[in-house]
Amino acid sequence: MGPGRGRNRGANKMFTSTEMGDAMRKGRWVVRLACICWMLLGSAPVAWAEDWKEWRGKDRLAVWHEQDILETFPTDGLQVAWKVSIGAGYSGPVVSDGRVVTLDYRPKPGTETAEAIERVICLDEASGKLLWEDTWETHYREIMGSYRTGPRATPTIDGTRVYAIGAAGHIRCLDLASGKLLWSRNCRTEYDLLLPTFGVSTSPIVEGNVVIFATGGRNREQLRAYDKHSGREVWKALSVNYELGYSQFVVYEHAGVRQLIYWDPQFLRSLDPQTGKVYWSIPMQVQGAMSIATPVKSGSQLLVSSFYSGSMLVDLDDDRPRARKRWHIQGSGEHPHQTLGLHGVITTPVIQGDYFYGTCSYGELRGLDLKSGKRIWTNKKMTRQGRWGSAFLVAHGDRYFMLNDVGELLIVRFTPAGPVQVDRTQLITPDTESGYGPQRFANSIVNWCHPAFANQHVIVRNDHEMVRASLAK
């Protein structure tokens, strides 16, 4: 080829240098236009998948971030992807990498219901097919008879590992892909576990390289942290001689440090999750050891609520890890006319601005003023009206998906003037006896298993099946 000339091999055509320059300039404009289009598309809202790897989802905040989720339910109900038979239990499902994990129980064949076989099960998220199971024998003799219905604590998935604890204190660390047992502990034999009346319910939490469990021995430490890889004990804390409560761990960052919040039947506490050092503790005597709801934070305030003992609001110091009680409102008894503020049971309250919302002792939905704790409204139409009536609340944008304890899924918005029901559908059949039968209390058959919201679906279980249903728009 001569100087200044080039060949298009496909057309066998010769170009002058002027033509070549024009072509190059056009090419640059094409590239620029493509970049502009890419940036515009990149800034547009994009739906993404989201797993649900621990109690109440990411960071235990009960917030679901996925887009392209339906605004109302189909008139004929949600489209069910699969239903599978499982054993009994209160343990909620968790979801990661196309797998669904939970715990269940069956009575040991030929024995009383107190002799138990517990297991961790892993299902394929798309089909519900059982991928693996890990089983062990135990007993529920110390657990109140009406509640011998399986594991309580929701498992936790961290990377390639599953961490779980059974109702009688069996700790398991398993490989998510294969179910291989990597390490284990038995709190009953190793720490002389003082078993709670309703069984161990606190889910493990992973923080950095440690996984933290409530292990609760007699005159032994309540909490222990292990190296999450090896199972080696890293620290132990809170040497007491009373039973564990049922509340869940949560870690909040405040005053420049990570704080492990733990609420037991006597104290609301903050600890350093890496060392077990106690930052602060505030007394709150909880009758019946019923510290159950997860402590919930809003700005510099921390809220807890209990069936017998009402609600307490704590102010957190912004400069260093310490706290002080702002208010603690109780009533004269457990019945609705005796409760002054909010006496929550299983329902973790939600905070919106200067207000908080939740279910009270006998199922009433209540709205309350956060600054004073005083009630501003009640509603009896969306939840079971009976002793320990409860619901699970998960935020999605400006609304909440609420699974009440008769198995109905609702879409609700909360306002200071009252709740607004957007829609409602039956999702699963309640089949657990709450411990107070029809002879004494009406409407006592419940579903108390926290659902998982993952990959545009909701996954929920009862004592005989697990269901995955679509919430895609």
Protein backbone atom coordinates (compact mmCIF):
# COMPACT_ATOMS: atom_id res chain seq x y z
CA MET A 1 0.00 0.00 0.00
CA GLY A 2 1.11 3.53 -0.76
CA PRO A 3 1.41 6.27 1.90
CA GLY A 4 -1.84 7.62 3.27
CA ARG A 5 -3.93 4.82 1.89
CA GLY A 6 -5.60 1.81 3.53
CA ARG A 7 -7.59 -1.20 2.45
CA ASN A 8 -11.00 -2.43 3.62
CA ARG A 9 -10.46 -6.13 3.18
CA GLY A 10 -14.17 -6.98 3.28
CA ALA A 11 -15.09 -4.75 0.33
CA ASN A 12 -11.65 -4.63 -1.27
CA LYS A 13 -11.99 -0.81 -1.47
CA MET A 14 -9.22 1.79 -1.22
CA PHE A 15 -9.70 4.92 1.02
CA THR A 16 -8.05 8.30 0.73
CA SER A 17 -6.51 9.84 3.86
CA THR A 18 -9.46 12.31 4.06
CA GLU A 19 -11.96 9.47 3.94
CA MET A 20 -9.97 7.58 6.58
CA GLY A 21 -10.02 10.63 8.89
CA ASP A 22 -13.79 11.02 8.49
CA ALA A 23 -14.30 7.37 9.32
CA MET A 24 -12.14 7.63 12.43
CA ARG A 25 -14.04 10.72 13.61
CA LYS A 26 -17.35 8.92 13.07
CA GLY A 27 -16.00 5.93 14.98
CA ARG A 28 -15.08 8.13 17.94
CA TRP A 29 -18.59 9.59 17.97
CA VAL A 30 -20.07 6.08 17.95
CA VAL A 31 -17.92 5.19 20.96
CA ARG A 32 -18.93 8.41 22.75
CA LEU A 33 -22.61 7.77 22.02
CA ALA A 34 -22.30 4.24 23.35
CA CYS A 35 -20.67 5.54 26.55
CA ILE A 36 -23.44 8.12 27.02
CA CYS A 37 -26.09 5.42 26.56
CA TRP A 38 -24.29 3.17 29.01
CA MET A 39 -24.13 5.92 31.64
CA LEU A 40 -27.82 6.75 31.17
CA LEU A 41 -28.83 3.13 31.47
CA GLY A 42 -26.50 2.67 34.42
CA SER A 43 -28.23 5.46 36.31
CA ALA A 44 -31.71 4.00 35.76
CA PRO A 45 -33.29 1.86 38.52
CA VAL A 46 -32.24 -1.77 38.17
CA ALA A 47 -33.86 -4.67 39.97
CA TRP A 48 -31.48 -6.94 41.84
CA ALA A 49 -31.72 -10.16 43.74
CA GLU A 50 -31.31 -10.16 47.50
CA ASP A 51 -30.68 -13.11 49.80
CA TRP A 52 -31.90 -13.37 53.42
CA LYS A 53 -29.02 -14.81 55.40
CA GLU A 54 -30.00 -14.27 59.04
CA TRP A 55 -32.77 -13.37 61.48
CA ARG A 56 -34.80 -10.44 60.04
CA GLY A 57 -32.57 -10.25 56.95
CA LYS A 58 -29.54 -8.08 56.24
CA ASP A 59 -28.09 -6.58 59.44
CA ARG A 60 -31.22 -7.87 61.27
CA LEU A 61 -33.08 -4.69 60.34
CA ALA A 62 -36.20 -6.32 58.81
CA VAL A 63 -35.86 -4.20 55.67
CA TRP A 64 -36.35 -5.71 52.19
CA HIS A 65 -34.71 -3.72 49.40
CA GLU A 66 -35.67 -5.58 46.21
CA GLN A 67 -37.52 -3.78 43.41
CA ASP A 68 -40.24 -4.90 40.99
CA ILE A 69 -42.34 -6.24 43.87
CA LEU A 70 -46.13 -6.34 43.53
CA GLU A 71 -48.26 -3.50 44.90
CA THR A 72 -51.31 -5.67 45.68
CA PHE A 73 -51.94 -9.41 45.81
CA PRO A 74 -53.55 -11.44 42.99
CA THR A 75 -57.26 -12.02 43.62
CA ASP A 76 -56.74 -15.79 43.61
CA GLY A 77 -53.77 -15.66 45.97
CA LEU A 78 -50.02 -15.74 45.53
CA GLN A 79 -48.42 -18.02 42.96
CA VAL A 80 -46.78 -20.85 44.91
CA ALA A 81 -43.43 -22.01 43.56
CA TRP A 82 -43.30 -25.07 45.84
CA LYS A 83 -44.50 -26.64 49.06
CA VAL A 84 -42.46 -29.28 50.88
CA SER A 85 -43.09 -31.38 53.97
CA ILE A 86 -40.85 -30.68 56.97
CA GLY A 87 -40.87 -31.36 60.70
CA ALA A 88 -42.02 -29.04 63.48
CA GLY A 89 -40.27 -25.96 64.84
CA TYR A 90 -40.27 -22.18 65.16
CA SER A 91 -36.96 -21.66 63.34
CA GLY A 92 -37.36 -19.30 60.39
CA PRO A 93 -35.83 -19.95 56.95
CA VAL A 94 -32.69 -18.25 55.63
CA VAL A 95 -31.61 -18.00 51.99
CA SER A 96 -28.19 -17.81 50.32
CA ASP A 97 -26.69 -18.86 46.99
CA GLY A 98 -29.79 -20.69 45.81
CA ARG A 99 -30.26 -22.60 49.06
CA VAL A 100 -32.87 -22.40 51.83
CA VAL A 101 -31.89 -23.52 55.34
CA THR A 102 -33.92 -24.02 58.52
CA LEU A 103 -34.15 -26.35 61.54
CA ASP A 104 -36.88 -28.83 62.46
CA TYR A 105 -37.67 -31.68 64.85
CA ARG A 106 -39.37 -35.04 65.06
CA PRO A 107 -40.07 -37.10 68.19
CA LYS A 108 -37.69 -40.02 68.51
CA PRO A 109 -39.59 -43.13 67.30
CA GLY A 110 -41.09 -45.21 70.06
CA THR A 111 -40.57 -42.56 72.75
CA GLU A 112 -42.39 -39.64 74.32
CA THR A 113 -42.37 -36.29 72.56
CA ALA A 114 -39.63 -35.04 74.91
CA GLU A 115 -37.11 -37.37 73.21
CA ALA A 116 -36.16 -35.48 70.08
CA ILE A 117 -34.35 -35.72 66.80
CA GLU A 118 -33.37 -32.23 65.66
CA ARG A 119 -31.90 -31.42 62.28
CA VAL A 120 -30.66 -28.66 60.01
CA ILE A 121 -32.11 -29.04 56.51
CA CYS A 122 -31.03 -27.42 53.26
CA LEU A 123 -33.36 -27.17 50.25
CA ASP A 124 -32.83 -26.03 46.68
CA GLU A 125 -34.34 -22.53 46.46
CA ALA A 126 -35.79 -23.02 42.98
CA SER A 127 -37.37 -26.47 43.42
CA GLY A 128 -37.64 -27.16 47.16
CA LYS A 129 -35.66 -30.39 46.72
CA LEU A 130 -33.84 -31.59 49.87
CA LEU A 131 -30.10 -31.17 49.27
CA TRP A 132 -28.78 -32.32 52.64
CA GLU A 133 -29.64 -32.72 56.32
CA ASP A 134 -27.66 -32.80 59.55
CA THR A 135 -29.35 -34.64 62.46
CA TRP A 136 -28.65 -35.24 66.15
CA GLU A 137 -30.53 -36.70 69.11
CA THR A 138 -31.46 -34.67 72.17
CA HIS A 139 -34.32 -34.27 74.65
CA TYR A 140 -36.78 -31.55 75.63
CA ARG A 141 -37.52 -32.70 79.18
CA GLU A 142 -36.82 -29.26 80.70
CA ILE A 143 -38.96 -27.46 78.11
CA MET A 144 -42.61 -26.78 79.02
CA GLY A 145 -44.72 -29.61 77.59
CA SER A 146 -46.92 -27.45 75.36
CA TYR A 147 -43.81 -26.09 73.62
CA ARG A 148 -41.93 -29.27 72.81
CA THR A 149 -42.36 -28.60 69.14
CA GLY A 150 -38.89 -28.11 67.76
CA PRO A 151 -35.96 -25.70 67.42
CA ARG A 152 -36.59 -22.01 67.95
CA ALA A 153 -33.54 -20.12 66.69
CA THR A 154 -33.21 -19.13 63.04
CA PRO A 155 -29.86 -20.26 61.57
CA THR A 156 -27.27 -17.79 60.27
CA ILE A 157 -25.40 -18.08 56.97
CA ASP A 158 -21.99 -16.45 56.63
CA GLY A 159 -20.23 -17.06 53.34
CA THR A 160 -19.92 -20.80 52.85
CA ARG A 161 -20.96 -21.73 56.39
CA VAL A 162 -24.19 -22.26 58.32
CA TYR A 163 -24.36 -21.67 62.08
CA ALA A 164 -27.27 -23.11 64.06
CA ILE A 165 -28.37 -23.88 67.62
CA GLY A 166 -31.09 -26.31 68.67
CA ALA A 167 -33.74 -25.83 71.35
CA ALA A 168 -31.60 -27.71 73.91
CA GLY A 169 -28.32 -25.96 73.14
CA HIS A 170 -26.66 -28.07 70.43
CA ILE A 171 -24.41 -25.80 68.33
CA ARG A 172 -23.59 -26.77 64.74
CA CYS A 173 -21.28 -25.23 62.14
CA LEU A 174 -21.91 -26.75 58.70
CA ASP A 175 -20.67 -26.36 55.16
CA LEU A 176 -23.44 -24.72 53.14
CA ALA A 177 -22.73 -26.63 49.94
CA SER A 178 -22.44 -30.15 51.36
CA GLY A 179 -23.86 -30.09 54.90
CA LYS A 180 -20.57 -31.44 56.26
CA LEU A 181 -20.24 -30.86 60.02
CA LEU A 182 -17.23 -28.60 60.56
CA TRP A 183 -17.44 -28.14 64.33
CA SER A 184 -19.99 -28.43 67.13
CA ARG A 185 -20.64 -27.75 70.81
CA ASN A 186 -23.14 -29.11 73.34
CA CYS A 187 -24.13 -26.37 75.80
CA ARG A 188 -26.00 -28.83 78.02
CA THR A 189 -22.93 -30.99 78.72
CA GLU A 190 -20.13 -28.44 78.33
CA TYR A 191 -21.64 -25.46 80.19
CA ASP A 192 -24.39 -27.04 82.35
CA LEU A 193 -27.01 -25.14 80.36
CA LEU A 194 -29.83 -23.61 82.40
CA LEU A 195 -32.43 -24.27 79.74
CA PRO A 196 -35.13 -21.60 79.28
CA THR A 197 -38.74 -22.68 79.83
CA PHE A 198 -39.47 -22.40 76.10
CA GLY A 199 -36.05 -23.56 74.82
CA VAL A 200 -32.99 -21.76 73.44
CA SER A 201 -34.22 -19.14 70.97
CA THR A 202 -31.36 -16.69 70.35
CA SER A 203 -29.93 -16.96 66.83
CA PRO A 204 -26.14 -16.89 66.41
CA ILE A 205 -24.63 -13.70 65.03
CA VAL A 206 -21.40 -13.37 63.05
CA GLU A 207 -19.24 -10.30 63.64
CA GLY A 208 -15.88 -10.24 61.88
CA ASN A 209 -14.09 -13.51 62.58
CA VAL A 210 -16.25 -14.53 65.55
CA VAL A 211 -19.68 -16.13 65.84
CA ILE A 212 -21.57 -15.40 69.06
CA PHE A 213 -24.05 -17.73 70.80
CA ALA A 214 -26.18 -17.56 73.96
CA THR A 215 -24.92 -20.60 75.90
CA GLY A 216 -26.41 -19.88 79.36
CA GLY A 217 -24.85 -22.17 82.01
CA ARG A 218 -25.65 -22.38 85.72
CA ASN A 219 -23.35 -19.86 87.42
CA ARG A 220 -21.56 -19.75 84.10
CA GLU A 221 -21.27 -17.19 81.36
CA GLN A 222 -24.41 -16.49 79.33
CA LEU A 223 -22.57 -15.63 76.11
CA ARG A 224 -19.69 -17.17 74.21
CA ALA A 225 -17.89 -16.17 71.04
CA TYR A 226 -16.04 -18.69 68.91
CA ASP A 227 -13.63 -18.40 66.03
CA LYS A 228 -16.07 -18.87 63.19
CA HIS A 229 -13.70 -21.13 61.26
CA SER A 230 -12.29 -23.43 63.94
CA GLY A 231 -14.84 -23.26 66.77
CA ARG A 232 -12.14 -22.21 69.25
CA GLU A 233 -13.57 -20.18 72.14
CA VAL A 234 -12.49 -16.53 71.85
CA TRP A 235 -14.34 -14.95 74.78
CA LYS A 236 -17.11 -15.55 77.30
CA ALA A 237 -19.16 -12.97 79.17
CA LEU A 238 -21.95 -12.29 81.70
CA SER A 239 -21.56 -14.80 84.51
CA VAL A 240 -25.05 -15.07 86.04
CA ASN A 241 -27.34 -17.74 87.43
CA TYR A 242 -30.67 -17.11 85.73
CA GLU A 243 -32.12 -18.55 82.56
CA LEU A 244 -31.62 -17.08 79.13
CA GLY A 245 -34.31 -14.92 77.64
CA TYR A 246 -35.49 -15.23 74.04
CA SER A 247 -34.41 -11.98 72.41
CA GLN A 248 -32.07 -11.88 69.42
CA PHE A 249 -28.61 -10.37 69.18
CA VAL A 250 -28.18 -7.31 67.03
CA VAL A 251 -25.06 -5.21 66.33
CA TYR A 252 -25.41 -1.46 65.91
CA GLU A 253 -22.59 1.01 65.27
CA HIS A 254 -22.86 4.00 67.59
CA ALA A 255 -20.45 6.41 69.31
CA GLY A 256 -17.75 5.23 66.91
CA VAL A 257 -17.82 1.57 67.97
CA ARG A 258 -19.66 -1.62 67.07
CA GLN A 259 -22.02 -2.55 69.92
CA LEU A 260 -23.50 -6.01 70.46
CA ILE A 261 -26.97 -5.43 71.96
CA TYR A 262 -28.24 -8.26 74.15
CA TRP A 263 -31.49 -8.16 76.16
CA ASP A 264 -31.87 -10.81 78.85
CA PRO A 265 -34.57 -11.15 81.57
CA GLN A 266 -32.75 -8.71 83.88
CA PHE A 267 -30.73 -6.24 81.79
CA LEU A 268 -30.49 -4.53 78.44
CA ARG A 269 -26.77 -4.56 77.66
CA SER A 270 -24.17 -3.43 75.15
CA LEU A 271 -20.91 -5.36 74.67
CA ASP A 272 -17.85 -5.18 72.48
CA PRO A 273 -18.51 -8.03 70.01
CA GLN A 274 -14.78 -8.74 69.61
CA THR A 275 -13.89 -9.03 73.31
CA GLY A 276 -17.11 -9.46 75.30
CA LYS A 277 -16.35 -6.33 77.35
CA VAL A 278 -19.57 -4.77 78.69
CA TYR A 279 -19.97 -1.17 77.56
CA TRP A 280 -23.18 -0.45 79.47
CA SER A 281 -26.14 -2.16 81.11
CA ILE A 282 -29.59 -0.88 82.13
CA PRO A 283 -31.81 -2.92 84.48
CA MET A 284 -35.17 -4.14 83.19
CA GLN A 285 -36.77 -6.93 85.18
CA VAL A 286 -38.85 -9.03 82.77
CA GLN A 287 -41.46 -11.34 84.28
CA GLY A 288 -41.43 -14.93 83.03
CA ALA A 289 -38.04 -14.30 81.35
CA MET A 290 -40.05 -12.98 78.40
CA SER A 291 -37.47 -10.74 76.82
CA ILE A 292 -38.40 -11.74 73.27
CA ALA A 293 -38.64 -8.91 70.73
CA THR A 294 -35.43 -7.72 69.05
CA PRO A 295 -34.12 -4.38 70.39
CA VAL A 296 -34.72 -1.78 67.68
CA LYS A 297 -32.66 1.38 67.14
CA SER A 298 -33.60 4.73 65.63
CA GLY A 299 -30.93 7.41 65.64
CA SER A 300 -29.68 7.65 69.23
CA GLN A 301 -32.58 5.72 70.76
CA LEU A 302 -33.05 2.03 71.52
CA LEU A 303 -36.46 0.45 72.21
CA VAL A 304 -37.50 -2.87 73.78
CA SER A 305 -40.98 -4.20 74.61
CA SER A 306 -42.19 -7.13 76.73
CA PHE A 307 -45.52 -8.87 77.42
CA TYR A 308 -45.65 -8.39 81.19
CA SER A 309 -43.19 -5.55 81.60
CA GLY A 310 -44.17 -2.97 79.00
CA SER A 311 -41.74 -0.92 76.90
CA MET A 312 -38.50 0.90 77.68
CA LEU A 313 -36.71 3.57 75.63
CA VAL A 314 -32.99 4.17 76.09
CA ASP A 315 -30.98 7.19 74.95
CA LEU A 316 -27.56 6.32 73.54
CA ASP A 317 -24.60 8.62 74.11
CA ASP A 318 -23.23 9.86 70.78
CA ASP A 319 -19.68 10.43 72.07
CA ARG A 320 -18.86 7.22 73.88
CA PRO A 321 -20.58 3.83 74.39
CA ARG A 322 -22.94 4.45 77.29
CA ALA A 323 -26.70 4.86 77.70
CA ARG A 324 -29.42 6.04 80.04
CA LYS A 325 -33.09 5.18 80.43
CA ARG A 326 -35.50 7.79 79.10
CA TRP A 327 -38.78 6.09 80.04
CA HIS A 328 -40.20 2.71 81.03
CA ILE A 329 -43.99 2.39 80.86
CA GLN A 330 -45.79 -0.59 82.36
CA GLY A 331 -49.36 -1.38 83.32
CA SER A 332 -51.23 -3.09 86.11
CA GLY A 333 -51.64 -6.42 84.31
CA GLU A 334 -51.51 -8.29 81.00
CA HIS A 335 -55.01 -7.61 79.65
CA PRO A 336 -55.60 -4.82 77.09
CA HIS A 337 -57.44 -2.58 79.56
CA GLN A 338 -54.51 -2.92 82.00
CA THR A 339 -51.66 -2.16 79.59
CA LEU A 340 -50.67 1.48 79.22
CA GLY A 341 -48.19 1.58 76.35
CA LEU A 342 -47.02 -1.40 74.29
CA HIS A 343 -46.61 -4.87 75.80
CA GLY A 344 -45.09 -6.75 72.87
CA VAL A 345 -44.56 -10.49 72.71
CA ILE A 346 -43.01 -11.87 69.52
CA THR A 347 -43.57 -8.75 67.43
CA THR A 348 -40.53 -6.50 67.17
CA PRO A 349 -41.86 -2.91 67.07
CA VAL A 350 -41.02 -0.59 64.18
CA ILE A 351 -40.03 3.05 64.55
CA GLN A 352 -41.02 5.74 62.05
CA GLY A 353 -39.85 9.22 62.97
CA ASP A 354 -41.46 10.27 66.25
CA TYR A 355 -43.76 7.22 66.46
CA PHE A 356 -43.52 3.47 66.91
CA TYR A 357 -45.92 0.66 66.07
CA GLY A 358 -46.42 -2.96 67.13
CA THR A 359 -48.80 -5.54 68.59
CA CYS A 360 -49.74 -5.53 72.26
CA SER A 361 -50.43 -8.30 74.79
CA TYR A 362 -53.66 -9.64 73.23
CA GLY A 363 -52.96 -8.81 69.60
CA GLU A 364 -54.04 -5.18 69.28
CA LEU A 365 -52.04 -3.16 66.78
CA ARG A 366 -50.98 0.01 68.53
CA GLY A 367 -49.42 3.30 67.53
CA LEU A 368 -47.46 5.22 70.16
CA ASP A 369 -45.55 8.43 70.65
CA LEU A 370 -41.81 7.67 70.83
CA LYS A 371 -40.93 10.64 73.02
CA SER A 372 -43.42 9.76 75.75
CA GLY A 373 -44.42 6.13 75.14
CA LYS A 374 -48.09 7.11 75.23
CA ARG A 375 -50.62 5.32 73.04
CA ILE A 376 -52.24 7.29 70.19
CA TRP A 377 -54.35 4.61 68.46
CA THR A 378 -55.34 0.94 68.52
CA ASN A 379 -56.58 -1.41 65.78
CA LYS A 380 -58.09 -4.90 66.14
CA LYS A 381 -58.78 -5.74 62.49
CA MET A 382 -55.41 -6.90 61.14
CA THR A 383 -54.12 -9.31 63.77
CA ARG A 384 -55.33 -12.20 65.93
CA GLN A 385 -57.15 -10.95 69.00
CA GLY A 386 -56.04 -13.41 71.65
CA ARG A 387 -53.33 -13.90 74.24
CA TRP A 388 -49.84 -13.32 72.79
CA GLY A 389 -51.30 -12.21 69.43
CA SER A 390 -48.33 -11.31 67.26
CA ALA A 391 -47.06 -10.51 63.78
CA PHE A 392 -43.79 -10.10 61.89
CA LEU A 393 -43.16 -6.74 60.19
CA VAL A 394 -40.74 -6.24 57.29
CA ALA A 395 -40.31 -2.80 55.70
CA HIS A 396 -40.39 -2.43 51.91
CA GLY A 397 -40.17 1.19 50.81
CA ASP A 398 -42.93 3.19 52.53
CA ARG A 399 -44.96 0.10 53.41
CA TYR A 400 -44.67 -3.10 55.41
CA PHE A 401 -45.26 -6.74 54.63
CA MET A 402 -46.88 -8.10 57.80
CA LEU A 403 -47.31 -11.82 58.45
CA ASN A 404 -49.79 -12.16 61.30
CA ASP A 405 -49.91 -15.28 63.44
CA VAL A 406 -52.93 -16.79 61.68
CA GLY A 407 -50.86 -17.06 58.49
CA GLU A 408 -52.18 -14.00 56.63
CA LEU A 409 -49.77 -11.78 54.69
CA LEU A 410 -50.77 -8.12 54.65
CA ILE A 411 -49.44 -4.99 53.00
CA VAL A 412 -49.77 -2.16 55.52
CA ARG A 413 -48.77 1.47 55.90
CA PHE A 414 -48.50 3.03 59.35
CA THR A 415 -49.38 6.65 60.10
CA PRO A 416 -49.86 8.64 63.31
CA ALA A 417 -53.58 8.61 62.49
CA GLY A 418 -53.76 4.83 62.23
CA PRO A 419 -52.79 1.86 60.02
CA VAL A 420 -53.82 1.62 56.36
CA GLN A 421 -54.39 -1.89 55.00
CA VAL A 422 -53.45 -2.04 51.32
CA ASP A 423 -54.15 -5.74 50.79
CA ARG A 424 -54.38 -9.11 52.52
CA THR A 425 -54.08 -12.77 51.52
CA GLN A 426 -53.85 -16.15 53.24
CA LEU A 427 -50.31 -17.48 52.90
CA ILE A 428 -49.98 -20.47 55.22
CA THR A 429 -52.13 -22.45 57.66
CA PRO A 430 -51.39 -21.93 61.36
CA ASP A 431 -50.92 -25.28 63.11
CA THR A 432 -49.01 -24.65 66.36
CA GLU A 433 -50.74 -24.80 69.74
CA SER A 434 -49.71 -21.60 71.54
CA GLY A 435 -49.80 -23.29 74.94
CA TYR A 436 -53.13 -21.85 76.03
CA GLY A 437 -55.80 -24.07 74.54
CA PRO A 438 -59.36 -23.29 73.44
CA GLN A 439 -60.65 -24.30 76.87
CA ARG A 440 -59.04 -21.18 78.34
CA PHE A 441 -58.33 -18.83 75.46
CA ALA A 442 -59.92 -18.57 72.02
CA ASN A 443 -57.92 -18.55 68.78
CA SER A 444 -54.85 -20.28 70.22
CA ILE A 445 -53.60 -22.05 67.06
CA VAL A 446 -50.80 -19.89 65.64
CA ASN A 447 -47.89 -19.55 63.26
CA TRP A 448 -44.85 -18.04 64.99
CA CYS A 449 -42.13 -18.54 62.35
CA HIS A 450 -40.47 -15.45 60.88
CA PRO A 451 -40.68 -15.45 57.05
CA ALA A 452 -37.78 -14.80 54.67
CA PHE A 453 -38.08 -12.33 51.79
CA ALA A 454 -35.58 -13.17 49.06
CA ASN A 455 -35.28 -13.05 45.29
CA GLN A 456 -38.81 -11.66 44.77
CA HIS A 457 -40.35 -14.44 46.88
CA VAL A 458 -41.55 -14.97 50.42
CA ILE A 459 -40.64 -18.22 52.19
CA VAL A 460 -42.51 -19.29 55.32
CA ARG A 461 -43.01 -22.51 57.27
CA ASN A 462 -45.25 -24.03 59.91
CA ASP A 463 -45.01 -27.33 61.79
CA HIS A 464 -45.50 -29.55 58.74
CA GLU A 465 -44.55 -27.69 55.55
CA MET A 466 -42.50 -24.88 54.04
CA VAL A 467 -43.87 -22.71 51.24
CA ARG A 468 -42.20 -20.43 48.67
CA ALA A 469 -44.51 -17.94 46.91
CA SER A 470 -43.83 -15.21 44.36
CA LEU A 471 -44.11 -11.51 45.19
CA ALA A 472 -42.82 -10.36 41.81
CA LYS A 473 -44.73 -7.53 40.13
